[in-house]
Full PDB file with SEQRES, HELIX, SHEET, SSBOND, CRYST1, ORIGX, SCALE, CONECT and MASTER records, all heavy atoms in Angstrom:
SEQRES   1 A   37  VAL GLN ALA ASP PRO LEU ALA SER ALA GLU ASP ALA ASP          
SEQRES   2 A   37  ALA ALA ILE ALA ASP LEU GLN SER LEU HIS GLU GLY ALA          
SEQRES   3 A   37  PRO ALA ASP LEU PRO ASN ARG SER SER PHE ALA                  
HELIX    1 AA1 ALA A    9  GLY A   25  1                                  17    
HELIX    2 AA2 LEU A   30  PHE A   36  1                                   7    
CRYST1    1.000    1.000    1.000  90.00  90.00  90.00 P 1           1          
ORIGX1      1.000000  0.000000  0.000000        0.00000                         
ORIGX2      0.000000  1.000000  0.000000        0.00000                         
ORIGX3      0.000000  0.000000  1.000000        0.00000                         
SCALE1      1.000000  0.000000  0.000000        0.00000                         
SCALE2      0.000000  1.000000  0.000000        0.00000                         
SCALE3      0.000000  0.000000  1.000000        0.00000                         
ATOM      1  N   VAL A   1       0.785  -1.219  -0.027  1.00  0.00           N  
ATOM      2  CA  VAL A   1       0.011  -0.016   0.015  1.00  0.00           C  
ATOM      3  C   VAL A   1       0.849   1.248   0.003  1.00  0.00           C  
ATOM      4  O   VAL A   1       0.488   2.270  -0.578  1.00  0.00           O  
ATOM      5  CB  VAL A   1      -0.949  -0.035   1.212  1.00  0.00           C  
ATOM      6  CG1 VAL A   1      -1.691   1.322   1.357  1.00  0.00           C  
ATOM      7  CG2 VAL A   1      -1.816  -1.183   1.143  1.00  0.00           C  
ATOM      8  N   GLN A   2       1.996   1.240   0.660  1.00  0.00           N  
ATOM      9  CA  GLN A   2       2.926   2.296   0.724  1.00  0.00           C  
ATOM     10  C   GLN A   2       3.874   2.436  -0.430  1.00  0.00           C  
ATOM     11  O   GLN A   2       4.583   3.408  -0.506  1.00  0.00           O  
ATOM     12  CB  GLN A   2       3.659   2.289   2.062  1.00  0.00           C  
ATOM     13  CG  GLN A   2       2.807   2.229   3.255  1.00  0.00           C  
ATOM     14  CD  GLN A   2       3.581   1.980   4.527  1.00  0.00           C  
ATOM     15  OE1 GLN A   2       4.866   1.709   4.426  1.00  0.00           O  
ATOM     16  NE2 GLN A   2       2.932   2.011   5.630  1.00  0.00           N  
ATOM     17  N   ALA A   3       3.803   1.541  -1.377  1.00  0.00           N  
ATOM     18  CA  ALA A   3       4.787   1.561  -2.527  1.00  0.00           C  
ATOM     19  C   ALA A   3       4.530   2.712  -3.370  1.00  0.00           C  
ATOM     20  O   ALA A   3       3.408   2.918  -3.868  1.00  0.00           O  
ATOM     21  CB  ALA A   3       4.714   0.285  -3.312  1.00  0.00           C  
ATOM     22  N   ASP A   4       5.493   3.539  -3.667  1.00  0.00           N  
ATOM     23  CA  ASP A   4       5.483   4.656  -4.575  1.00  0.00           C  
ATOM     24  C   ASP A   4       6.083   4.302  -5.828  1.00  0.00           C  
ATOM     25  O   ASP A   4       7.266   3.876  -5.797  1.00  0.00           O  
ATOM     26  CB  ASP A   4       6.187   5.844  -3.842  1.00  0.00           C  
ATOM     27  CG  ASP A   4       6.243   7.089  -4.734  1.00  0.00           C  
ATOM     28  OD1 ASP A   4       5.704   6.954  -5.872  1.00  0.00           O  
ATOM     29  OD2 ASP A   4       6.675   8.141  -4.207  1.00  0.00           O  
ATOM     30  N   PRO A   5       5.396   4.377  -6.917  1.00  0.00           N  
ATOM     31  CA  PRO A   5       6.028   3.940  -8.175  1.00  0.00           C  
ATOM     32  C   PRO A   5       7.257   4.721  -8.595  1.00  0.00           C  
ATOM     33  O   PRO A   5       8.023   4.408  -9.476  1.00  0.00           O  
ATOM     34  CB  PRO A   5       4.874   4.124  -9.199  1.00  0.00           C  
ATOM     35  CG  PRO A   5       3.839   4.960  -8.513  1.00  0.00           C  
ATOM     36  CD  PRO A   5       4.053   4.800  -7.101  1.00  0.00           C  
ATOM     37  N   LEU A   6       7.440   5.959  -7.995  1.00  0.00           N  
ATOM     38  CA  LEU A   6       8.571   6.674  -8.233  1.00  0.00           C  
ATOM     39  C   LEU A   6       9.729   6.500  -7.195  1.00  0.00           C  
ATOM     40  O   LEU A   6      10.718   7.170  -7.229  1.00  0.00           O  
ATOM     41  CB  LEU A   6       8.213   8.145  -8.328  1.00  0.00           C  
ATOM     42  CG  LEU A   6       7.185   8.500  -9.357  1.00  0.00           C  
ATOM     43  CD1 LEU A   6       6.838  10.017  -9.312  1.00  0.00           C  
ATOM     44  CD2 LEU A   6       7.697   8.140 -10.816  1.00  0.00           C  
ATOM     45  N   ALA A   7       9.501   5.482  -6.330  1.00  0.00           N  
ATOM     46  CA  ALA A   7      10.492   5.241  -5.319  1.00  0.00           C  
ATOM     47  C   ALA A   7      11.745   4.559  -5.908  1.00  0.00           C  
ATOM     48  O   ALA A   7      11.827   4.355  -7.028  1.00  0.00           O  
ATOM     49  CB  ALA A   7       9.854   4.249  -4.226  1.00  0.00           C  
ATOM     50  N   SER A   8      12.676   4.295  -5.029  1.00  0.00           N  
ATOM     51  CA  SER A   8      13.927   3.720  -5.385  1.00  0.00           C  
ATOM     52  C   SER A   8      13.709   2.279  -6.104  1.00  0.00           C  
ATOM     53  O   SER A   8      12.642   1.690  -5.867  1.00  0.00           O  
ATOM     54  CB  SER A   8      14.832   3.584  -4.166  1.00  0.00           C  
ATOM     55  OG  SER A   8      14.421   2.518  -3.367  1.00  0.00           O  
ATOM     56  N   ALA A   9      14.684   1.847  -6.826  1.00  0.00           N  
ATOM     57  CA  ALA A   9      14.597   0.596  -7.491  1.00  0.00           C  
ATOM     58  C   ALA A   9      14.475  -0.484  -6.395  1.00  0.00           C  
ATOM     59  O   ALA A   9      13.764  -1.523  -6.669  1.00  0.00           O  
ATOM     60  CB  ALA A   9      15.854   0.336  -8.326  1.00  0.00           C  
ATOM     61  N   GLU A  10      15.037  -0.383  -5.227  1.00  0.00           N  
ATOM     62  CA  GLU A  10      15.011  -1.342  -4.204  1.00  0.00           C  
ATOM     63  C   GLU A  10      13.646  -1.473  -3.704  1.00  0.00           C  
ATOM     64  O   GLU A  10      13.098  -2.583  -3.441  1.00  0.00           O  
ATOM     65  CB  GLU A  10      15.981  -1.046  -3.150  1.00  0.00           C  
ATOM     66  CG  GLU A  10      17.443  -1.177  -3.508  1.00  0.00           C  
ATOM     67  CD  GLU A  10      17.948   0.057  -4.219  1.00  0.00           C  
ATOM     68  OE1 GLU A  10      17.325   1.232  -4.057  1.00  0.00           O  
ATOM     69  OE2 GLU A  10      18.971  -0.047  -4.911  1.00  0.00           O  
ATOM     70  N   ASP A  11      12.975  -0.286  -3.517  1.00  0.00           N  
ATOM     71  CA  ASP A  11      11.556  -0.346  -3.084  1.00  0.00           C  
ATOM     72  C   ASP A  11      10.693  -1.026  -4.077  1.00  0.00           C  
ATOM     73  O   ASP A  11       9.746  -1.752  -3.733  1.00  0.00           O  
ATOM     74  CB  ASP A  11      11.042   1.075  -2.791  1.00  0.00           C  
ATOM     75  CG  ASP A  11      11.648   1.671  -1.588  1.00  0.00           C  
ATOM     76  OD1 ASP A  11      12.267   0.980  -0.712  1.00  0.00           O  
ATOM     77  OD2 ASP A  11      11.644   2.954  -1.482  1.00  0.00           O  
ATOM     78  N   ALA A  12      10.924  -0.713  -5.362  1.00  0.00           N  
ATOM     79  CA  ALA A  12      10.073  -1.352  -6.470  1.00  0.00           C  
ATOM     80  C   ALA A  12      10.300  -2.811  -6.464  1.00  0.00           C  
ATOM     81  O   ALA A  12       9.380  -3.582  -6.617  1.00  0.00           O  
ATOM     82  CB  ALA A  12      10.415  -0.686  -7.782  1.00  0.00           C  
ATOM     83  N   ASP A  13      11.570  -3.273  -6.377  1.00  0.00           N  
ATOM     84  CA  ASP A  13      11.851  -4.656  -6.390  1.00  0.00           C  
ATOM     85  C   ASP A  13      11.197  -5.366  -5.154  1.00  0.00           C  
ATOM     86  O   ASP A  13      10.741  -6.488  -5.268  1.00  0.00           O  
ATOM     87  CB  ASP A  13      13.402  -4.909  -6.300  1.00  0.00           C  
ATOM     88  CG  ASP A  13      14.006  -4.484  -7.515  1.00  0.00           C  
ATOM     89  OD1 ASP A  13      13.407  -4.292  -8.672  1.00  0.00           O  
ATOM     90  OD2 ASP A  13      15.307  -4.363  -7.508  1.00  0.00           O  
ATOM     91  N   ALA A  14      11.210  -4.734  -4.035  1.00  0.00           N  
ATOM     92  CA  ALA A  14      10.520  -5.405  -2.802  1.00  0.00           C  
ATOM     93  C   ALA A  14       9.059  -5.435  -3.052  1.00  0.00           C  
ATOM     94  O   ALA A  14       8.490  -6.498  -2.708  1.00  0.00           O  
ATOM     95  CB  ALA A  14      10.866  -4.458  -1.577  1.00  0.00           C  
ATOM     96  N   ALA A  15       8.463  -4.414  -3.558  1.00  0.00           N  
ATOM     97  CA  ALA A  15       7.014  -4.474  -3.847  1.00  0.00           C  
ATOM     98  C   ALA A  15       6.684  -5.531  -4.868  1.00  0.00           C  
ATOM     99  O   ALA A  15       5.686  -6.298  -4.711  1.00  0.00           O  
ATOM    100  CB  ALA A  15       6.503  -3.138  -4.298  1.00  0.00           C  
ATOM    101  N   ILE A  16       7.495  -5.678  -5.862  1.00  0.00           N  
ATOM    102  CA  ILE A  16       7.285  -6.739  -6.910  1.00  0.00           C  
ATOM    103  C   ILE A  16       7.431  -8.085  -6.299  1.00  0.00           C  
ATOM    104  O   ILE A  16       6.712  -9.008  -6.611  1.00  0.00           O  
ATOM    105  CB  ILE A  16       8.151  -6.477  -8.105  1.00  0.00           C  
ATOM    106  CG1 ILE A  16       7.665  -5.280  -8.885  1.00  0.00           C  
ATOM    107  CG2 ILE A  16       8.235  -7.735  -9.002  1.00  0.00           C  
ATOM    108  CD1 ILE A  16       8.591  -4.799 -10.041  1.00  0.00           C  
ATOM    109  N   ALA A  17       8.442  -8.316  -5.415  1.00  0.00           N  
ATOM    110  CA  ALA A  17       8.582  -9.561  -4.712  1.00  0.00           C  
ATOM    111  C   ALA A  17       7.331  -9.921  -3.919  1.00  0.00           C  
ATOM    112  O   ALA A  17       6.865 -11.031  -3.865  1.00  0.00           O  
ATOM    113  CB  ALA A  17       9.812  -9.552  -3.839  1.00  0.00           C  
ATOM    114  N   ASP A  18       6.752  -8.855  -3.206  1.00  0.00           N  
ATOM    115  CA  ASP A  18       5.598  -9.103  -2.408  1.00  0.00           C  
ATOM    116  C   ASP A  18       4.348  -9.530  -3.367  1.00  0.00           C  
ATOM    117  O   ASP A  18       3.624 -10.456  -3.118  1.00  0.00           O  
ATOM    118  CB  ASP A  18       5.187  -7.868  -1.628  1.00  0.00           C  
ATOM    119  CG  ASP A  18       6.042  -7.620  -0.508  1.00  0.00           C  
ATOM    120  OD1 ASP A  18       6.805  -8.477  -0.134  1.00  0.00           O  
ATOM    121  OD2 ASP A  18       5.985  -6.479   0.025  1.00  0.00           O  
ATOM    122  N   LEU A  19       4.229  -8.826  -4.528  1.00  0.00           N  
ATOM    123  CA  LEU A  19       3.134  -9.131  -5.524  1.00  0.00           C  
ATOM    124  C   LEU A  19       3.376 -10.543  -6.048  1.00  0.00           C  
ATOM    125  O   LEU A  19       2.386 -11.194  -6.297  1.00  0.00           O  
ATOM    126  CB  LEU A  19       3.127  -8.080  -6.542  1.00  0.00           C  
ATOM    127  CG  LEU A  19       2.594  -6.754  -6.163  1.00  0.00           C  
ATOM    128  CD1 LEU A  19       2.959  -5.652  -7.198  1.00  0.00           C  
ATOM    129  CD2 LEU A  19       1.101  -6.764  -5.916  1.00  0.00           C  
ATOM    130  N   GLN A  20       4.671 -10.894  -6.274  1.00  0.00           N  
ATOM    131  CA  GLN A  20       4.871 -12.223  -6.848  1.00  0.00           C  
ATOM    132  C   GLN A  20       4.457 -13.241  -5.807  1.00  0.00           C  
ATOM    133  O   GLN A  20       3.860 -14.290  -6.113  1.00  0.00           O  
ATOM    134  CB  GLN A  20       6.366 -12.409  -7.189  1.00  0.00           C  
ATOM    135  CG  GLN A  20       6.676 -13.744  -7.821  1.00  0.00           C  
ATOM    136  CD  GLN A  20       8.066 -13.869  -8.333  1.00  0.00           C  
ATOM    137  OE1 GLN A  20       8.837 -12.869  -8.186  1.00  0.00           O  
ATOM    138  NE2 GLN A  20       8.351 -14.956  -8.970  1.00  0.00           N  
ATOM    139  N   SER A  21       4.737 -13.014  -4.557  1.00  0.00           N  
ATOM    140  CA  SER A  21       4.319 -14.007  -3.449  1.00  0.00           C  
ATOM    141  C   SER A  21       2.815 -14.074  -3.473  1.00  0.00           C  
ATOM    142  O   SER A  21       2.255 -15.235  -3.336  1.00  0.00           O  
ATOM    143  CB  SER A  21       4.854 -13.579  -2.110  1.00  0.00           C  
ATOM    144  OG  SER A  21       6.274 -13.672  -2.099  1.00  0.00           O  
ATOM    145  N   LEU A  22       2.103 -12.954  -3.544  1.00  0.00           N  
ATOM    146  CA  LEU A  22       0.695 -13.027  -3.574  1.00  0.00           C  
ATOM    147  C   LEU A  22       0.154 -13.831  -4.797  1.00  0.00           C  
ATOM    148  O   LEU A  22      -0.765 -14.664  -4.635  1.00  0.00           O  
ATOM    149  CB  LEU A  22       0.019 -11.620  -3.614  1.00  0.00           C  
ATOM    150  CG  LEU A  22       0.103 -10.784  -2.343  1.00  0.00           C  
ATOM    151  CD1 LEU A  22      -0.312  -9.384  -2.617  1.00  0.00           C  
ATOM    152  CD2 LEU A  22      -0.810 -11.431  -1.261  1.00  0.00           C  
ATOM    153  N   HIS A  23       0.716 -13.581  -5.891  1.00  0.00           N  
ATOM    154  CA  HIS A  23       0.341 -14.308  -7.108  1.00  0.00           C  
ATOM    155  C   HIS A  23       0.570 -15.738  -6.944  1.00  0.00           C  
ATOM    156  O   HIS A  23      -0.272 -16.618  -7.399  1.00  0.00           O  
ATOM    157  CB  HIS A  23       1.039 -13.713  -8.345  1.00  0.00           C  
ATOM    158  CG  HIS A  23       0.841 -14.572  -9.581  1.00  0.00           C  
ATOM    159  ND1 HIS A  23      -0.325 -14.750 -10.167  1.00  0.00           N  
ATOM    160  CD2 HIS A  23       1.747 -15.338 -10.262  1.00  0.00           C  
ATOM    161  CE1 HIS A  23      -0.221 -15.517 -11.258  1.00  0.00           C  
ATOM    162  NE2 HIS A  23       1.010 -15.934 -11.301  1.00  0.00           N  
ATOM    163  N   GLU A  24       1.779 -16.134  -6.486  1.00  0.00           N  
ATOM    164  CA  GLU A  24       2.014 -17.569  -6.395  1.00  0.00           C  
ATOM    165  C   GLU A  24       1.144 -18.280  -5.380  1.00  0.00           C  
ATOM    166  O   GLU A  24       0.833 -19.430  -5.488  1.00  0.00           O  
ATOM    167  CB  GLU A  24       3.517 -17.770  -5.975  1.00  0.00           C  
ATOM    168  CG  GLU A  24       4.462 -17.450  -7.065  1.00  0.00           C  
ATOM    169  CD  GLU A  24       5.955 -17.375  -6.694  1.00  0.00           C  
ATOM    170  OE1 GLU A  24       6.198 -17.460  -5.468  1.00  0.00           O  
ATOM    171  OE2 GLU A  24       6.767 -17.152  -7.568  1.00  0.00           O  
ATOM    172  N   GLY A  25       0.663 -17.555  -4.343  1.00  0.00           N  
ATOM    173  CA  GLY A  25      -0.264 -18.112  -3.391  1.00  0.00           C  
ATOM    174  C   GLY A  25      -1.617 -18.263  -3.883  1.00  0.00           C  
ATOM    175  O   GLY A  25      -2.396 -19.126  -3.375  1.00  0.00           O  
ATOM    176  N   ALA A  26      -2.028 -17.488  -4.849  1.00  0.00           N  
ATOM    177  CA  ALA A  26      -3.378 -17.493  -5.429  1.00  0.00           C  
ATOM    178  C   ALA A  26      -3.335 -17.180  -6.842  1.00  0.00           C  
ATOM    179  O   ALA A  26      -3.707 -16.128  -7.278  1.00  0.00           O  
ATOM    180  CB  ALA A  26      -4.351 -16.549  -4.693  1.00  0.00           C  
ATOM    181  N   PRO A  27      -2.812 -18.044  -7.718  1.00  0.00           N  
ATOM    182  CA  PRO A  27      -2.546 -17.694  -9.155  1.00  0.00           C  
ATOM    183  C   PRO A  27      -3.888 -17.412  -9.920  1.00  0.00           C  
ATOM    184  O   PRO A  27      -3.782 -16.760 -10.950  1.00  0.00           O  
ATOM    185  CB  PRO A  27      -1.850 -18.928  -9.681  1.00  0.00           C  
ATOM    186  CG  PRO A  27      -1.993 -20.005  -8.746  1.00  0.00           C  
ATOM    187  CD  PRO A  27      -2.284 -19.361  -7.435  1.00  0.00           C  
ATOM    188  N   ALA A  28      -5.033 -17.848  -9.435  1.00  0.00           N  
ATOM    189  CA  ALA A  28      -6.219 -17.569 -10.147  1.00  0.00           C  
ATOM    190  C   ALA A  28      -6.837 -16.238  -9.760  1.00  0.00           C  
ATOM    191  O   ALA A  28      -7.821 -15.738 -10.371  1.00  0.00           O  
ATOM    192  CB  ALA A  28      -7.258 -18.716  -9.782  1.00  0.00           C  
ATOM    193  N   ASP A  29      -6.232 -15.536  -8.821  1.00  0.00           N  
ATOM    194  CA  ASP A  29      -6.778 -14.231  -8.406  1.00  0.00           C  
ATOM    195  C   ASP A  29      -6.388 -13.190  -9.432  1.00  0.00           C  
ATOM    196  O   ASP A  29      -5.267 -12.752  -9.519  1.00  0.00           O  
ATOM    197  CB  ASP A  29      -6.218 -13.908  -7.010  1.00  0.00           C  
ATOM    198  CG  ASP A  29      -6.781 -12.637  -6.457  1.00  0.00           C  
ATOM    199  OD1 ASP A  29      -6.893 -11.642  -7.116  1.00  0.00           O  
ATOM    200  OD2 ASP A  29      -7.205 -12.661  -5.219  1.00  0.00           O  
ATOM    201  N   LEU A  30      -7.402 -12.746 -10.291  1.00  0.00           N  
ATOM    202  CA  LEU A  30      -7.011 -11.851 -11.344  1.00  0.00           C  
ATOM    203  C   LEU A  30      -6.577 -10.461 -10.847  1.00  0.00           C  
ATOM    204  O   LEU A  30      -5.733  -9.868 -11.419  1.00  0.00           O  
ATOM    205  CB  LEU A  30      -8.238 -11.702 -12.222  1.00  0.00           C  
ATOM    206  CG  LEU A  30      -8.566 -12.950 -13.017  1.00  0.00           C  
ATOM    207  CD1 LEU A  30      -9.783 -12.791 -13.897  1.00  0.00           C  
ATOM    208  CD2 LEU A  30      -7.378 -13.384 -13.892  1.00  0.00           C  
ATOM    209  N   PRO A  31      -7.176  -9.861  -9.814  1.00  0.00           N  
ATOM    210  CA  PRO A  31      -6.615  -8.568  -9.347  1.00  0.00           C  
ATOM    211  C   PRO A  31      -5.181  -8.692  -8.890  1.00  0.00           C  
ATOM    212  O   PRO A  31      -4.369  -7.765  -9.250  1.00  0.00           O  
ATOM    213  CB  PRO A  31      -7.547  -8.166  -8.175  1.00  0.00           C  
ATOM    214  CG  PRO A  31      -8.854  -8.862  -8.499  1.00  0.00           C  
ATOM    215  CD  PRO A  31      -8.430 -10.211  -9.102  1.00  0.00           C  
ATOM    216  N   ASN A  32      -4.757  -9.719  -8.221  1.00  0.00           N  
ATOM    217  CA  ASN A  32      -3.344  -9.898  -7.894  1.00  0.00           C  
ATOM    218  C   ASN A  32      -2.508 -10.093  -9.105  1.00  0.00           C  
ATOM    219  O   ASN A  32      -1.412  -9.480  -9.238  1.00  0.00           O  
ATOM    220  CB  ASN A  32      -3.140 -11.132  -6.932  1.00  0.00           C  
ATOM    221  CG  ASN A  32      -3.552 -10.794  -5.563  1.00  0.00           C  
ATOM    222  OD1 ASN A  32      -3.835  -9.707  -5.185  1.00  0.00           O  
ATOM    223  ND2 ASN A  32      -3.716 -11.920  -4.829  1.00  0.00           N  
ATOM    224  N   ARG A  33      -2.920 -10.882 -10.084  1.00  0.00           N  
ATOM    225  CA  ARG A  33      -2.202 -11.113 -11.227  1.00  0.00           C  
ATOM    226  C   ARG A  33      -2.054  -9.810 -12.043  1.00  0.00           C  
ATOM    227  O   ARG A  33      -0.983  -9.529 -12.566  1.00  0.00           O  
ATOM    228  CB  ARG A  33      -2.951 -12.123 -12.163  1.00  0.00           C  
ATOM    229  CG  ARG A  33      -2.272 -12.507 -13.485  1.00  0.00           C  
ATOM    230  CD  ARG A  33      -3.164 -13.429 -14.313  1.00  0.00           C  
ATOM    231  NE  ARG A  33      -3.227 -14.730 -13.678  1.00  0.00           N  
ATOM    232  CZ  ARG A  33      -2.624 -15.821 -14.003  1.00  0.00           C  
ATOM    233  NH1 ARG A  33      -1.880 -15.789 -15.164  1.00  0.00           N  
ATOM    234  NH2 ARG A  33      -2.779 -16.942 -13.415  1.00  0.00           N  
ATOM    235  N   SER A  34      -3.123  -9.048 -12.100  1.00  0.00           N  
ATOM    236  CA  SER A  34      -3.083  -7.798 -12.790  1.00  0.00           C  
ATOM    237  C   SER A  34      -2.107  -6.794 -12.099  1.00  0.00           C  
ATOM    238  O   SER A  34      -1.229  -6.100 -12.844  1.00  0.00           O  
ATOM    239  CB  SER A  34      -4.457  -7.147 -12.931  1.00  0.00           C  
ATOM    240  OG  SER A  34      -4.386  -5.890 -13.455  1.00  0.00           O  
ATOM    241  N   SER A  35      -2.145  -6.702 -10.894  1.00  0.00           N  
ATOM    242  CA  SER A  35      -1.278  -5.796 -10.110  1.00  0.00           C  
ATOM    243  C   SER A  35       0.260  -6.219 -10.317  1.00  0.00           C  
ATOM    244  O   SER A  35       1.063  -5.342 -10.474  1.00  0.00           O  
ATOM    245  CB  SER A  35      -1.560  -5.823  -8.609  1.00  0.00           C  
ATOM    246  OG  SER A  35      -2.850  -5.258  -8.396  1.00  0.00           O  
ATOM    247  N   PHE A  36       0.492  -7.500 -10.271  1.00  0.00           N  
ATOM    248  CA  PHE A  36       1.863  -8.038 -10.467  1.00  0.00           C  
ATOM    249  C   PHE A  36       2.239  -7.703 -11.878  1.00  0.00           C  
ATOM    250  O   PHE A  36       3.378  -7.170 -12.108  1.00  0.00           O  
ATOM    251  CB  PHE A  36       1.841  -9.532 -10.205  1.00  0.00           C  
ATOM    252  CG  PHE A  36       3.146 -10.186 -10.314  1.00  0.00           C  
ATOM    253  CD1 PHE A  36       4.298  -9.595  -9.949  1.00  0.00           C  
ATOM    254  CD2 PHE A  36       3.207 -11.547 -10.819  1.00  0.00           C  
ATOM    255  CE1 PHE A  36       5.497 -10.319 -10.073  1.00  0.00           C  
ATOM    256  CE2 PHE A  36       4.352 -12.215 -10.958  1.00  0.00           C  
ATOM    257  CZ  PHE A  36       5.535 -11.563 -10.536  1.00  0.00           C  
ATOM    258  N   ALA A  37       1.371  -7.883 -12.917  1.00  0.00           N  
ATOM    259  CA  ALA A  37       1.803  -7.606 -14.338  1.00  0.00           C  
ATOM    260  C   ALA A  37       2.074  -6.099 -14.470  1.00  0.00           C  
ATOM    261  O   ALA A  37       3.045  -5.736 -15.188  1.00  0.00           O  
ATOM    262  CB  ALA A  37       0.699  -8.150 -15.232  1.00  0.00           C  
TER     263      ALA A  37                                                      
MASTER        0    0    0    2    0    0    0    6  262    1    0    3          
END                                                                             
């Protein structure tokens, strides 16, 4: 929720890692898949 798209690359990488974990936990969840993509 706090991820700023203009933040540092490290912050973006951490947010993407979180989104990937959410996607892997529920691959059929389209909102998670869309956010990750």
